[in-house]
Amino acid sequence: MKTTKLLLGFAFIATVFTSCYVEETNYIEEPSISLNQLLNSYDLWYVDVNATQGYGETPFLQIAFTVSFNNGRMYANNNLVGFGSQGSGYGVQIGNYDAYDMILDVDHVIDGFDSFDVYQVDNNTIELYNPYNDTSYFLEGYQKSNFDYDFIFYDNIHYFLQEYEAWEKTYTSNYGALNDFDNENYLQFLSGGNDATFRSSQDQNVYNTNNIFWDFVGDYGVGDVSGNSYLKTLTLDYDFFNNEYFELSVINDSTVELYHASSGTVYEFRGSGYIQYYRSTDAEGKSTAEVDRFKKRKQKTKKIENIRTNTRNTVESISII
């Protein structure tokens, strides 16, 4: 995470969530600079998945919070752990690219070759149209100095919880009423599926997270707290037991605090087994070497038909999800 002023956060919220791409958008028909200059003109390009048009998905864009272009090398922030500090804020290199004639060719380290038609919406917004799946992604350009890493982090806590194989309880306050959750020592938040499944365990002192026996399973949800963007609510909806409700605070990139509202007890959990995401899964749904579970950002808005017309003469066959 990276601390920024709250005022900047409000400005960033307005920019990201008032973005609306519709048919009558006035595109810049003749950009005054080359595509390579345009891509390099901003440190970070925020991938606004909620603005996506089309029914397909490009895996490495669906997983990314930001992408960056630097002299033929493409970077992405796919993880929230280390967000703002990893790779000096750019994330990890995910491949190489070539930019020419408003066409962006990407050679991804796992997905291989992909190609996009690029359209400049305005001075800091571009559309990446993938002719192979008829889907457009919209990217907002920012310099690192005015990008609100904190806002993106806290707005996506749901995914942050999924970036460790398990969360181990390391602290229980000596105040608060006794309750059933006192016996829970490990939590796990699973990506993929309904993107809202958690498991819990009463095991103790497990060195290898693969050896944890998961006693309970259910759905979880993360909510906002009015007036405090840095505090969240966490609901654990056990399949066969009552729900547990917490206030969730992030201490650092590997430690969270859970305040159990009904008992007044405070717990701390530390992440174990960091998962480095490069992409989700291959075309057959099998796990990649870099991550053992399917993970992608979910589009919260209703998917709509893409109005863009495929102008490529030849459409090559490539693997897409």
C-alpha atoms as a PDB file:
ATOM      1  CA  MET A   1       0.000   0.000   0.000  1.00  0.00           C
ATOM      2  CA  LYS A   2       1.015   3.584  -0.444  1.00  0.00           C
ATOM      3  CA  THR A   3      -0.352   6.420   1.691  1.00  0.00           C
ATOM      4  CA  THR A   4      -1.975   9.305  -0.154  1.00  0.00           C
ATOM      5  CA  LYS A   5      -4.126  12.235   0.836  1.00  0.00           C
ATOM      6  CA  LEU A   6      -7.846  11.634   1.254  1.00  0.00           C
ATOM      7  CA  LEU A   7      -8.653  14.549  -1.027  1.00  0.00           C
ATOM      8  CA  LEU A   8      -6.787  12.837  -3.845  1.00  0.00           C
ATOM      9  CA  GLY A   9      -8.851   9.729  -3.126  1.00  0.00           C
ATOM     10  CA  PHE A  10     -12.095  11.608  -3.664  1.00  0.00           C
ATOM     11  CA  ALA A  11     -10.822  12.951  -6.963  1.00  0.00           C
ATOM     12  CA  PHE A  12      -9.779   9.485  -8.053  1.00  0.00           C
ATOM     13  CA  ILE A  13     -13.174   8.027  -7.132  1.00  0.00           C
ATOM     14  CA  ALA A  14     -14.879  10.653  -9.265  1.00  0.00           C
ATOM     15  CA  THR A  15     -12.613   9.915 -12.214  1.00  0.00           C
ATOM     16  CA  VAL A  16     -12.903   6.136 -12.096  1.00  0.00           C
ATOM     17  CA  PHE A  17     -16.581   5.746 -11.337  1.00  0.00           C
ATOM     18  CA  THR A  18     -18.023   8.495 -13.497  1.00  0.00           C
ATOM     19  CA  SER A  19     -16.337   7.017 -16.557  1.00  0.00           C
ATOM     20  CA  CYS A  20     -19.000   6.023 -19.072  1.00  0.00           C
ATOM     21  CA  TYR A  21     -18.235   4.777 -22.551  1.00  0.00           C
ATOM     22  CA  VAL A  22     -21.182   4.878 -24.921  1.00  0.00           C
ATOM     23  CA  GLU A  23     -21.684   4.952 -28.652  1.00  0.00           C
ATOM     24  CA  GLU A  24     -21.653   8.742 -28.936  1.00  0.00           C
ATOM     25  CA  THR A  25     -18.236   9.103 -27.241  1.00  0.00           C
ATOM     26  CA  ASN A  26     -16.110  11.611 -29.153  1.00  0.00           C
ATOM     27  CA  TYR A  27     -12.881   9.827 -29.992  1.00  0.00           C
ATOM     28  CA  ILE A  28      -9.719  11.580 -31.125  1.00  0.00           C
ATOM     29  CA  GLU A  29      -9.680  10.570 -34.779  1.00  0.00           C
ATOM     30  CA  GLU A  30      -6.130  11.671 -35.565  1.00  0.00           C
ATOM     31  CA  PRO A  31      -3.829  11.492 -32.531  1.00  0.00           C
ATOM     32  CA  SER A  32      -1.051  14.078 -32.596  1.00  0.00           C
ATOM     33  CA  ILE A  33       1.559  11.613 -31.307  1.00  0.00           C
ATOM     34  CA  SER A  34       2.519   8.057 -32.189  1.00  0.00           C
ATOM     35  CA  LEU A  35       0.920   5.128 -30.392  1.00  0.00           C
ATOM     36  CA  ASN A  36       4.196   4.277 -28.677  1.00  0.00           C
ATOM     37  CA  GLN A  37       4.474   7.863 -27.410  1.00  0.00           C
ATOM     38  CA  LEU A  38       0.869   7.715 -26.201  1.00  0.00           C
ATOM     39  CA  LEU A  39       1.388   4.463 -24.298  1.00  0.00           C
ATOM     40  CA  ASN A  40       4.560   5.807 -22.689  1.00  0.00           C
ATOM     41  CA  SER A  41       3.013   9.177 -21.819  1.00  0.00           C
ATOM     42  CA  TYR A  42       1.553   7.776 -18.577  1.00  0.00           C
ATOM     43  CA  ASP A  43       3.234   5.701 -15.894  1.00  0.00           C
ATOM     44  CA  LEU A  44       0.146   3.618 -15.203  1.00  0.00           C
ATOM     45  CA  TRP A  45      -2.959   2.665 -17.147  1.00  0.00           C
ATOM     46  CA  TYR A  46      -5.819   1.714 -14.833  1.00  0.00           C
ATOM     47  CA  VAL A  47      -7.948  -1.101 -16.287  1.00  0.00           C
ATOM     48  CA  ASP A  48     -11.565  -0.093 -15.733  1.00  0.00           C
ATOM     49  CA  VAL A  49     -13.166  -3.542 -16.019  1.00  0.00           C
ATOM     50  CA  ASN A  50     -16.622  -2.097 -15.345  1.00  0.00           C
ATOM     51  CA  ALA A  51     -16.429  -0.131 -18.585  1.00  0.00           C
ATOM     52  CA  THR A  52     -15.657  -3.222 -20.691  1.00  0.00           C
ATOM     53  CA  GLN A  53     -17.757  -3.709 -23.808  1.00  0.00           C
ATOM     54  CA  GLY A  54     -18.306  -7.156 -25.261  1.00  0.00           C
ATOM     55  CA  TYR A  55     -18.874 -10.653 -23.932  1.00  0.00           C
ATOM     56  CA  GLY A  56     -15.324 -12.012 -24.180  1.00  0.00           C
ATOM     57  CA  GLU A  57     -12.340 -11.722 -21.879  1.00  0.00           C
ATOM     58  CA  THR A  58      -8.633 -11.154 -22.383  1.00  0.00           C
ATOM     59  CA  PRO A  59      -7.118 -12.980 -19.390  1.00  0.00           C
ATOM     60  CA  PHE A  60      -4.117 -10.777 -18.641  1.00  0.00           C
ATOM     61  CA  LEU A  61      -6.242  -7.615 -18.792  1.00  0.00           C
ATOM     62  CA  GLN A  62      -9.070  -9.130 -16.752  1.00  0.00           C
ATOM     63  CA  ILE A  63      -6.669  -9.913 -13.926  1.00  0.00           C
ATOM     64  CA  ALA A  64      -4.761  -6.604 -13.932  1.00  0.00           C
ATOM     65  CA  PHE A  65      -5.445  -3.514 -11.869  1.00  0.00           C
ATOM     66  CA  THR A  66      -2.957  -1.479 -13.904  1.00  0.00           C
ATOM     67  CA  VAL A  67      -0.686  -2.030 -16.889  1.00  0.00           C
ATOM     68  CA  SER A  68       2.354  -0.036 -17.976  1.00  0.00           C
ATOM     69  CA  PHE A  69       4.387   0.251 -21.160  1.00  0.00           C
ATOM     70  CA  ASN A  70       8.096   0.974 -21.103  1.00  0.00           C
ATOM     71  CA  ASN A  71      10.274   0.706 -24.202  1.00  0.00           C
ATOM     72  CA  GLY A  72       8.852  -2.590 -25.402  1.00  0.00           C
ATOM     73  CA  ARG A  73       8.329  -4.102 -21.956  1.00  0.00           C
ATOM     74  CA  MET A  74       4.827  -4.481 -20.521  1.00  0.00           C
ATOM     75  CA  TYR A  75       4.188  -4.459 -16.765  1.00  0.00           C
ATOM     76  CA  ALA A  76       1.109  -5.107 -14.646  1.00  0.00           C
ATOM     77  CA  ASN A  77      -0.082  -4.805 -11.071  1.00  0.00           C
ATOM     78  CA  ASN A  78      -1.981  -8.069 -10.695  1.00  0.00           C
ATOM     79  CA  ASN A  79      -1.655  -8.317  -6.917  1.00  0.00           C
ATOM     80  CA  LEU A  80      -2.731  -6.044  -4.091  1.00  0.00           C
ATOM     81  CA  VAL A  81       0.004  -7.363  -1.819  1.00  0.00           C
ATOM     82  CA  GLY A  82       2.859  -4.965  -2.531  1.00  0.00           C
ATOM     83  CA  PHE A  83       0.567  -2.703  -4.538  1.00  0.00           C
ATOM     84  CA  GLY A  84       2.341   0.613  -4.979  1.00  0.00           C
ATOM     85  CA  SER A  85       5.781  -0.704  -4.032  1.00  0.00           C
ATOM     86  CA  GLN A  86       6.318  -3.806  -6.169  1.00  0.00           C
ATOM     87  CA  GLY A  87       8.427  -2.943  -9.195  1.00  0.00           C
ATOM     88  CA  SER A  88       8.622   0.685  -8.033  1.00  0.00           C
ATOM     89  CA  GLY A  89       4.863   0.905  -8.442  1.00  0.00           C
ATOM     90  CA  TYR A  90       4.697  -0.671 -11.911  1.00  0.00           C
ATOM     91  CA  GLY A  91       4.218  -4.257 -10.715  1.00  0.00           C
ATOM     92  CA  VAL A  92       5.853  -7.157 -12.551  1.00  0.00           C
ATOM     93  CA  GLN A  93       6.845  -7.572 -16.177  1.00  0.00           C
ATOM     94  CA  ILE A  94       4.220  -9.694 -17.917  1.00  0.00           C
ATOM     95  CA  GLY A  95       5.618  -9.641 -21.438  1.00  0.00           C
ATOM     96  CA  ASN A  96       6.781  -7.518 -24.344  1.00  0.00           C
ATOM     97  CA  TYR A  97       4.888  -5.348 -26.791  1.00  0.00           C
ATOM     98  CA  ASP A  98       5.143  -3.663 -30.160  1.00  0.00           C
ATOM     99  CA  ALA A  99       3.124  -0.550 -31.030  1.00  0.00           C
ATOM    100  CA  TYR A 100       2.588   0.696 -34.594  1.00  0.00           C
ATOM    101  CA  ASP A 101      -0.201   2.226 -36.718  1.00  0.00           C
ATOM    102  CA  MET A 102      -2.603   2.227 -33.724  1.00  0.00           C
ATOM    103  CA  ILE A 103      -2.077  -1.522 -33.313  1.00  0.00           C
ATOM    104  CA  LEU A 104      -0.716  -3.009 -30.092  1.00  0.00           C
ATOM    105  CA  ASP A 105       0.842  -6.477 -30.294  1.00  0.00           C
ATOM    106  CA  VAL A 106       1.520  -8.183 -26.968  1.00  0.00           C
ATOM    107  CA  ASP A 107       3.643 -11.258 -26.322  1.00  0.00           C
ATOM    108  CA  HIS A 108       2.514 -12.342 -22.858  1.00  0.00           C
ATOM    109  CA  VAL A 109       4.814 -14.535 -20.776  1.00  0.00           C
ATOM    110  CA  ILE A 110       2.081 -17.146 -20.357  1.00  0.00           C
ATOM    111  CA  ASP A 111      -0.775 -16.355 -22.741  1.00  0.00           C
ATOM    112  CA  GLY A 112       1.463 -15.793 -25.744  1.00  0.00           C
ATOM    113  CA  PHE A 113       0.549 -13.506 -28.636  1.00  0.00           C
ATOM    114  CA  ASP A 114      -2.410 -11.138 -28.622  1.00  0.00           C
ATOM    115  CA  SER A 115      -3.199  -8.063 -30.673  1.00  0.00           C
ATOM    116  CA  PHE A 116      -5.381  -4.998 -30.172  1.00  0.00           C
ATOM    117  CA  ASP A 117      -6.669  -2.084 -32.193  1.00  0.00           C
ATOM    118  CA  VAL A 118      -6.100   1.059 -30.128  1.00  0.00           C
ATOM    119  CA  TYR A 119      -8.445   4.044 -30.114  1.00  0.00           C
ATOM    120  CA  GLN A 120      -7.758   7.253 -28.231  1.00  0.00           C
ATOM    121  CA  VAL A 121     -10.887   8.350 -26.387  1.00  0.00           C
ATOM    122  CA  ASP A 122      -9.426  11.513 -24.869  1.00  0.00           C
ATOM    123  CA  ASN A 123      -6.114  12.792 -23.543  1.00  0.00           C
ATOM    124  CA  ASN A 124      -5.800  10.095 -20.879  1.00  0.00           C
ATOM    125  CA  THR A 125      -8.193   7.336 -21.975  1.00  0.00           C
ATOM    126  CA  ILE A 126      -7.648   4.616 -24.544  1.00  0.00           C
ATOM    127  CA  GLU A 127      -9.722   1.723 -25.815  1.00  0.00           C
ATOM    128  CA  LEU A 128      -8.026  -1.612 -26.486  1.00  0.00           C
ATOM    129  CA  TYR A 129     -10.181  -3.593 -28.915  1.00  0.00           C
ATOM    130  CA  ASN A 130      -9.375  -7.286 -29.194  1.00  0.00           C
ATOM    131  CA  PRO A 131     -10.635  -8.478 -32.609  1.00  0.00           C
ATOM    132  CA  TYR A 132     -10.219 -12.118 -31.586  1.00  0.00           C
ATOM    133  CA  ASN A 133     -12.930 -11.944 -28.907  1.00  0.00           C
ATOM    134  CA  ASP A 134     -14.749  -8.763 -30.003  1.00  0.00           C
ATOM    135  CA  THR A 135     -14.202  -7.140 -26.607  1.00  0.00           C
ATOM    136  CA  SER A 136     -12.943  -3.671 -25.708  1.00  0.00           C
ATOM    137  CA  TYR A 137     -11.127  -2.709 -22.519  1.00  0.00           C
ATOM    138  CA  PHE A 138     -10.882   0.928 -21.451  1.00  0.00           C
ATOM    139  CA  LEU A 139      -7.742   2.207 -19.744  1.00  0.00           C
ATOM    140  CA  GLU A 140      -7.269   5.465 -17.824  1.00  0.00           C
ATOM    141  CA  GLY A 141      -3.786   6.992 -17.777  1.00  0.00           C
ATOM    142  CA  TYR A 142      -2.149   8.275 -14.584  1.00  0.00           C
ATOM    143  CA  GLN A 143       1.264   9.344 -13.411  1.00  0.00           C
ATOM    144  CA  LYS A 144       2.462   7.524 -10.307  1.00  0.00           C
ATOM    145  CA  SER A 145       2.481  10.820  -8.424  1.00  0.00           C
ATOM    146  CA  ASN A 146      -1.302  11.293  -8.804  1.00  0.00           C
ATOM    147  CA  PHE A 147      -2.474   7.683  -8.750  1.00  0.00           C
ATOM    148  CA  ASP A 148      -4.361   6.698  -5.605  1.00  0.00           C
ATOM    149  CA  TYR A 149      -2.943   3.273  -4.804  1.00  0.00           C
ATOM    150  CA  ASP A 150      -4.751   3.256  -1.454  1.00  0.00           C
ATOM    151  CA  PHE A 151      -8.184   3.734  -2.965  1.00  0.00           C
ATOM    152  CA  ILE A 152      -7.712   0.841  -5.396  1.00  0.00           C
ATOM    153  CA  PHE A 153      -6.368  -1.335  -2.584  1.00  0.00           C
ATOM    154  CA  TYR A 154      -9.256  -0.733  -0.199  1.00  0.00           C
ATOM    155  CA  ASP A 155     -11.871  -0.880  -2.938  1.00  0.00           C
ATOM    156  CA  ASN A 156     -10.651  -4.404  -3.766  1.00  0.00           C
ATOM    157  CA  ILE A 157     -10.060  -5.890  -0.298  1.00  0.00           C
ATOM    158  CA  HIS A 158     -12.150  -8.850  -1.476  1.00  0.00           C
ATOM    159  CA  TYR A 159      -9.282  -9.854  -3.803  1.00  0.00           C
ATOM    160  CA  PHE A 160      -6.574  -9.018  -1.265  1.00  0.00           C
ATOM    161  CA  LEU A 161      -7.935 -11.712   1.052  1.00  0.00           C
ATOM    162  CA  GLN A 162      -7.508 -14.254  -1.756  1.00  0.00           C
ATOM    163  CA  GLU A 163      -3.799 -13.564  -2.226  1.00  0.00           C
ATOM    164  CA  TYR A 164      -2.649 -15.897   0.539  1.00  0.00           C
ATOM    165  CA  GLU A 165      -3.101 -19.637   0.788  1.00  0.00           C
ATOM    166  CA  ALA A 166      -4.280 -19.199   4.375  1.00  0.00           C
ATOM    167  CA  TRP A 167      -4.642 -16.600   7.119  1.00  0.00           C
ATOM    168  CA  GLU A 168      -3.312 -17.754  10.481  1.00  0.00           C
ATOM    169  CA  LYS A 169      -4.636 -16.321  13.730  1.00  0.00           C
ATOM    170  CA  THR A 170      -1.707 -14.763  15.587  1.00  0.00           C
ATOM    171  CA  TYR A 171      -3.452 -12.701  18.260  1.00  0.00           C
ATOM    172  CA  THR A 172      -6.597 -12.816  20.372  1.00  0.00           C
ATOM    173  CA  SER A 173      -7.358  -9.965  22.770  1.00  0.00           C
ATOM    174  CA  ASN A 174      -7.643 -10.731  26.477  1.00  0.00           C
ATOM    175  CA  TYR A 175     -10.946  -8.854  26.535  1.00  0.00           C
ATOM    176  CA  GLY A 176     -14.266  -9.691  24.932  1.00  0.00           C
ATOM    177  CA  ALA A 177     -16.812 -12.416  25.641  1.00  0.00           C
ATOM    178  CA  LEU A 178     -16.077 -16.057  24.882  1.00  0.00           C
ATOM    179  CA  ASN A 179     -17.518 -17.110  21.525  1.00  0.00           C
ATOM    180  CA  ASP A 180     -17.308 -19.925  18.966  1.00  0.00           C
ATOM    181  CA  PHE A 181     -14.919 -18.013  16.729  1.00  0.00           C
ATOM    182  CA  ASP A 182     -12.276 -18.220  19.459  1.00  0.00           C
ATOM    183  CA  ASN A 183     -11.706 -21.783  18.233  1.00  0.00           C
ATOM    184  CA  GLU A 184     -11.059 -20.799  14.601  1.00  0.00           C
ATOM    185  CA  ASN A 185      -7.318 -20.596  13.898  1.00  0.00           C
ATOM    186  CA  TYR A 186      -7.081 -20.475  10.090  1.00  0.00           C
ATOM    187  CA  LEU A 187      -9.129 -18.797   7.377  1.00  0.00           C
ATOM    188  CA  GLN A 188      -8.913 -19.217   3.619  1.00  0.00           C
ATOM    189  CA  PHE A 189     -10.619 -17.096   0.958  1.00  0.00           C
ATOM    190  CA  LEU A 190     -10.921 -18.871  -2.383  1.00  0.00           C
ATOM    191  CA  SER A 191     -10.789 -17.243  -5.800  1.00  0.00           C
ATOM    192  CA  GLY A 192     -12.804 -18.648  -8.658  1.00  0.00           C
ATOM    193  CA  GLY A 193     -16.185 -20.322  -8.502  1.00  0.00           C
ATOM    194  CA  ASN A 194     -18.643 -17.855  -7.022  1.00  0.00           C
ATOM    195  CA  ASP A 195     -15.645 -15.739  -5.939  1.00  0.00           C
ATOM    196  CA  ALA A 196     -17.050 -15.633  -2.410  1.00  0.00           C
ATOM    197  CA  THR A 197     -16.143 -18.931  -0.738  1.00  0.00           C
ATOM    198  CA  PHE A 198     -14.217 -19.161   2.512  1.00  0.00           C
ATOM    199  CA  ARG A 199     -13.024 -22.056   4.654  1.00  0.00           C
ATOM    200  CA  SER A 200     -12.009 -22.156   8.299  1.00  0.00           C
ATOM    201  CA  SER A 201     -10.012 -24.552  10.442  1.00  0.00           C
ATOM    202  CA  GLN A 202      -9.500 -25.246  14.112  1.00  0.00           C
ATOM    203  CA  ASP A 203      -6.062 -26.805  13.498  1.00  0.00           C
ATOM    204  CA  GLN A 204      -3.164 -25.413  15.476  1.00  0.00           C
ATOM    205  CA  ASN A 205       0.467 -24.660  14.609  1.00  0.00           C
ATOM    206  CA  VAL A 206       0.382 -26.040  11.064  1.00  0.00           C
ATOM    207  CA  TYR A 207       3.697 -25.381   9.309  1.00  0.00           C
ATOM    208  CA  ASN A 208       2.589 -26.286   5.769  1.00  0.00           C
ATOM    209  CA  THR A 209      -0.705 -24.722   4.676  1.00  0.00           C
ATOM    210  CA  ASN A 210      -1.327 -27.725   2.412  1.00  0.00           C
ATOM    211  CA  ASN A 211      -1.737 -29.830   5.551  1.00  0.00           C
ATOM    212  CA  ILE A 212      -4.520 -27.749   7.065  1.00  0.00           C
ATOM    213  CA  PHE A 213      -7.778 -29.644   7.569  1.00  0.00           C
ATOM    214  CA  TRP A 214     -10.638 -27.301   6.747  1.00  0.00           C
ATOM    215  CA  ASP A 215     -13.478 -27.892   9.203  1.00  0.00           C
ATOM    216  CA  PHE A 216     -16.046 -25.436   7.904  1.00  0.00           C
ATOM    217  CA  VAL A 217     -17.020 -23.763   4.628  1.00  0.00           C
ATOM    218  CA  GLY A 218     -19.340 -20.954   3.616  1.00  0.00           C
ATOM    219  CA  ASP A 219     -19.651 -17.667   1.731  1.00  0.00           C
ATOM    220  CA  TYR A 220     -18.041 -14.391   2.692  1.00  0.00           C
ATOM    221  CA  GLY A 221     -18.728 -10.783   1.854  1.00  0.00           C
ATOM    222  CA  VAL A 222     -16.830  -7.521   2.283  1.00  0.00           C
ATOM    223  CA  GLY A 223     -18.774  -4.294   2.726  1.00  0.00           C
ATOM    224  CA  ASP A 224     -18.101  -0.588   3.133  1.00  0.00           C
ATOM    225  CA  VAL A 225     -18.381   1.474   6.311  1.00  0.00           C
ATOM    226  CA  SER A 226     -20.013   4.847   5.788  1.00  0.00           C
ATOM    227  CA  GLY A 227     -17.591   7.718   6.261  1.00  0.00           C
ATOM    228  CA  ASN A 228     -14.479   5.549   6.567  1.00  0.00           C
ATOM    229  CA  SER A 229     -12.936   4.225   3.348  1.00  0.00           C
ATOM    230  CA  TYR A 230     -10.196   2.425   5.304  1.00  0.00           C
ATOM    231  CA  LEU A 231     -12.557   0.290   7.411  1.00  0.00           C
ATOM    232  CA  LYS A 232     -14.560  -2.614   5.982  1.00  0.00           C
ATOM    233  CA  THR A 233     -17.069  -5.136   7.226  1.00  0.00           C
ATOM    234  CA  LEU A 234     -16.492  -8.873   6.840  1.00  0.00           C
ATOM    235  CA  THR A 235     -19.357 -11.359   7.020  1.00  0.00           C
ATOM    236  CA  LEU A 236     -18.653 -15.080   7.279  1.00  0.00           C
ATOM    237  CA  ASP A 237     -21.785 -16.979   6.295  1.00  0.00           C
ATOM    238  CA  TYR A 238     -21.211 -20.546   7.514  1.00  0.00           C
ATOM    239  CA  ASP A 239     -23.170 -23.227   5.667  1.00  0.00           C
ATOM    240  CA  PHE A 240     -24.520 -24.896   8.814  1.00  0.00           C
ATOM    241  CA  PHE A 241     -23.955 -22.342  11.570  1.00  0.00           C
ATOM    242  CA  ASN A 242     -24.801 -18.751  12.385  1.00  0.00           C
ATOM    243  CA  ASN A 243     -23.088 -15.913  10.584  1.00  0.00           C
ATOM    244  CA  GLU A 244     -20.108 -14.147  12.095  1.00  0.00           C
ATOM    245  CA  TYR A 245     -19.730 -10.369  11.661  1.00  0.00           C
ATOM    246  CA  PHE A 246     -16.510  -8.369  11.923  1.00  0.00           C
ATOM    247  CA  GLU A 247     -14.985  -4.983  11.290  1.00  0.00           C
ATOM    248  CA  LEU A 248     -11.964  -5.530   9.046  1.00  0.00           C
ATOM    249  CA  SER A 249      -8.861  -3.340   9.235  1.00  0.00           C
ATOM    250  CA  VAL A 250      -5.635  -3.827   7.292  1.00  0.00           C
ATOM    251  CA  ILE A 251      -2.516  -3.465   9.428  1.00  0.00           C
ATOM    252  CA  ASN A 252      -0.062  -4.114   6.598  1.00  0.00           C
ATOM    253  CA  ASP A 253       0.249  -6.174   3.411  1.00  0.00           C
ATOM    254  CA  SER A 254       0.270  -9.432   5.376  1.00  0.00           C
ATOM    255  CA  THR A 255      -1.751  -8.755   8.534  1.00  0.00           C
ATOM    256  CA  VAL A 256      -5.427  -7.947   9.115  1.00  0.00           C
ATOM    257  CA  GLU A 257      -7.379  -7.155  12.260  1.00  0.00           C
ATOM    258  CA  LEU A 258     -10.885  -8.517  12.827  1.00  0.00           C
ATOM    259  CA  TYR A 259     -13.083  -6.919  15.471  1.00  0.00           C
ATOM    260  CA  HIS A 260     -15.852  -9.338  16.450  1.00  0.00           C
ATOM    261  CA  ALA A 261     -18.775  -7.007  17.005  1.00  0.00           C
ATOM    262  CA  SER A 262     -20.999  -9.272  19.119  1.00  0.00           C
ATOM    263  CA  SER A 263     -18.304 -10.310  21.615  1.00  0.00           C
ATOM    264  CA  GLY A 264     -16.006  -7.275  21.535  1.00  0.00           C
ATOM    265  CA  THR A 265     -12.995  -9.499  20.825  1.00  0.00           C
ATOM    266  CA  VAL A 266     -10.137  -8.415  18.537  1.00  0.00           C
ATOM    267  CA  TYR A 267      -8.232 -10.941  16.429  1.00  0.00           C
ATOM    268  CA  GLU A 268      -5.228 -10.595  14.162  1.00  0.00           C
ATOM    269  CA  PHE A 269      -4.528 -12.890  11.224  1.00  0.00           C
ATOM    270  CA  ARG A 270      -1.300 -13.109   9.231  1.00  0.00           C
ATOM    271  CA  GLY A 271      -1.214 -14.252   5.616  1.00  0.00           C
ATOM    272  CA  SER A 272       0.762 -17.401   4.822  1.00  0.00           C
ATOM    273  CA  GLY A 273       1.662 -18.669   1.356  1.00  0.00           C
ATOM    274  CA  TYR A 274       1.637 -15.566  -0.852  1.00  0.00           C
ATOM    275  CA  ILE A 275       0.154 -16.203  -4.319  1.00  0.00           C
ATOM    276  CA  GLN A 276       1.835 -14.307  -7.160  1.00  0.00           C
ATOM    277  CA  TYR A 277      -0.688 -13.857  -9.970  1.00  0.00           C
ATOM    278  CA  TYR A 278       0.399 -13.567 -13.573  1.00  0.00           C
ATOM    279  CA  ARG A 279      -2.901 -14.649 -15.070  1.00  0.00           C
ATOM    280  CA  SER A 280      -5.797 -16.920 -14.232  1.00  0.00           C
ATOM    281  CA  THR A 281      -5.986 -20.304 -15.980  1.00  0.00           C
ATOM    282  CA  ASP A 282      -5.370 -21.677 -19.432  1.00  0.00           C
ATOM    283  CA  ALA A 283      -8.026 -22.145 -22.073  1.00  0.00           C
ATOM    284  CA  GLU A 284      -8.949 -25.586 -20.713  1.00  0.00           C
ATOM    285  CA  GLY A 285      -9.433 -24.272 -17.181  1.00  0.00           C
ATOM    286  CA  LYS A 286      -6.245 -25.891 -15.892  1.00  0.00           C
ATOM    287  CA  SER A 287      -4.107 -24.064 -13.384  1.00  0.00           C
ATOM    288  CA  THR A 288      -0.930 -22.339 -14.482  1.00  0.00           C
ATOM    289  CA  ALA A 289       2.400 -22.742 -12.720  1.00  0.00           C
ATOM    290  CA  GLU A 290       2.214 -19.219 -11.309  1.00  0.00           C
ATOM    291  CA  VAL A 291      -1.123 -19.597  -9.505  1.00  0.00           C
ATOM    292  CA  ASP A 292      -3.006 -22.662  -8.386  1.00  0.00           C
ATOM    293  CA  ARG A 293      -6.519 -21.211  -8.446  1.00  0.00           C
ATOM    294  CA  PHE A 294      -8.568 -19.294 -10.972  1.00  0.00           C
ATOM    295  CA  LYS A 295      -8.496 -15.569 -10.298  1.00  0.00           C
ATOM    296  CA  LYS A 296      -9.813 -12.591 -12.203  1.00  0.00           C
ATOM    297  CA  ARG A 297     -11.510  -9.301 -11.534  1.00  0.00           C
ATOM    298  CA  LYS A 298     -15.262  -9.494 -11.924  1.00  0.00           C
ATOM    299  CA  GLN A 299     -17.131  -6.944 -14.014  1.00  0.00           C
ATOM    300  CA  LYS A 300     -19.765  -5.432 -11.702  1.00  0.00           C
ATOM    301  CA  THR A 301     -21.724  -3.770 -14.483  1.00  0.00           C
ATOM    302  CA  LYS A 302     -23.976  -5.646 -16.895  1.00  0.00           C
ATOM    303  CA  LYS A 303     -22.115  -6.916 -19.936  1.00  0.00           C
ATOM    304  CA  ILE A 304     -23.154  -5.194 -23.144  1.00  0.00           C
ATOM    305  CA  GLU A 305     -22.643  -5.850 -26.828  1.00  0.00           C
ATOM    306  CA  ASN A 306     -19.560  -4.211 -28.292  1.00  0.00           C
ATOM    307  CA  ILE A 307     -20.339  -1.621 -30.929  1.00  0.00           C
ATOM    308  CA  ARG A 308     -16.829  -1.794 -32.359  1.00  0.00           C
ATOM    309  CA  THR A 309     -16.430  -3.291 -35.848  1.00  0.00           C
ATOM    310  CA  ASN A 310     -13.623  -5.736 -36.570  1.00  0.00           C
ATOM    311  CA  THR A 311     -11.567  -4.198 -39.387  1.00  0.00           C
ATOM    312  CA  ARG A 312      -8.828  -6.815 -39.506  1.00  0.00           C
ATOM    313  CA  ASN A 313      -8.520  -8.619 -42.848  1.00  0.00           C
ATOM    314  CA  THR A 314      -7.419 -11.886 -41.275  1.00  0.00           C
ATOM    315  CA  VAL A 315      -8.387 -13.223 -37.877  1.00  0.00           C
ATOM    316  CA  GLU A 316      -5.847 -15.687 -36.629  1.00  0.00           C
ATOM    317  CA  SER A 317      -6.840 -18.421 -34.241  1.00  0.00           C
ATOM    318  CA  ILE A 318      -5.550 -17.867 -30.713  1.00  0.00           C
ATOM    319  CA  SER A 319      -6.561 -19.269 -27.346  1.00  0.00           C
ATOM    320  CA  ILE A 320      -8.935 -17.181 -25.265  1.00  0.00           C
ATOM    321  CA  ILE A 321     -11.009 -17.916 -22.215  1.00  0.00           C
END
